[in-house]
Amino acid sequence: ATLHSDPLRLARSANAVRASADAAQAATFAGKDEAVAWAKSDNRRLLHVVYRVGDLDRTIKFYTECLGMKLLRKRDIPEDKYTNAFLGYGPEDSHFVVELTYISAITFHEGVDKYDIGAGFGHFGIAVDDVAKTVELIRAKGGKVTREPGPVKGGNTVIAFVEDPDGYKFEILERPGTPEPLCQVMLRVGDLDRAISFYEKYTVAMMGYGPEDKNAVLELTYNYGVTEYAKGNAYGQIAIGTDDVYKTAEVVKLFGGQVVREPGPLPGISTKITSILDPDGWKSVFVDNIDFAKELE
């Protein structure tokens, strides 16, 4: 009776039970070799990339009309004053997608209409059958073309660059018949070897989970002499599916990585996640595969 009449004590008790349950689920590896072996067998996939926009309807219109994406779902969180929109070229359970976040009100009257993209974020890559025709469509719809179609420097792949209304850059690549049109996220890093080492340990492949022509990948770019970038506040994070967020967090810690959110369920929806930072400060969120499937349902 005393416990139920004291909300603070009740909250502490609930937290203690939750922490105990989380600890019970946490894994213990015998050593780094065992941890790496588990990471390599983990069923991982890039789920979505999260970033913030100043006008959700305007951005959705650009992505659907100019880039050919579909609006997959929209989620309003009125208590926290933000809205998410998920867009891509196929269902979320099998495709990499973008998650647009619009903060509807910082003050009582207005939302945030502009963000600082910073110098660290590079661009997204979209694979198409015909770059020239895609650029013509984007221009006809009022989109901004910043590089005309032509071969990439030092190669034969035809590319072009366009910008969305918030200033995010998209590299349009000619790659006919790809099953994963949203194919790249380019981030700038201060030490390429250090970044590659990190992503090899935690994501199995150097920058992805399969061949570039069939899977979304991370493109890490090192500009000689530049060791640090301003990240701004527009780009958010990459979400990655995992079979076990507790084991994932332990692997990260074993290799000196930084866990910024301990593994456990999100309030309200019970999806288990853990958040980490890479050596350049880029954020990745690992999401429990089963919980993510339930969320989509």
Foldseek 3Di string as FASTA:
>chain_A
DVCVVDVVSVVVVVVVVQVVVLVVQFDDDPALVRLLVVLLVWDKAFQEWEWEAQDVVQQVCLCCQQVVKDFDDKADDVVQQKIWIWIFNDDRLFAYIYIYMWRADPDPPGTHRAWDQWDFWDAWEFEDQDAQVSVVRSVVVVWAWPAHWDADVPDRWTWTWTAGPRGGIYIYTNQPPAPYRRAETEGEAQDLVQQQVLCCRNVVHSWGDDDRSHGHTYHYDYDPPHHAITRIRTTAAIEMETQGQSSSVVSCVSVPWAWPAHWFADPPLGWTWTWTAGPRGGIYIYTNSVSVVVVSD
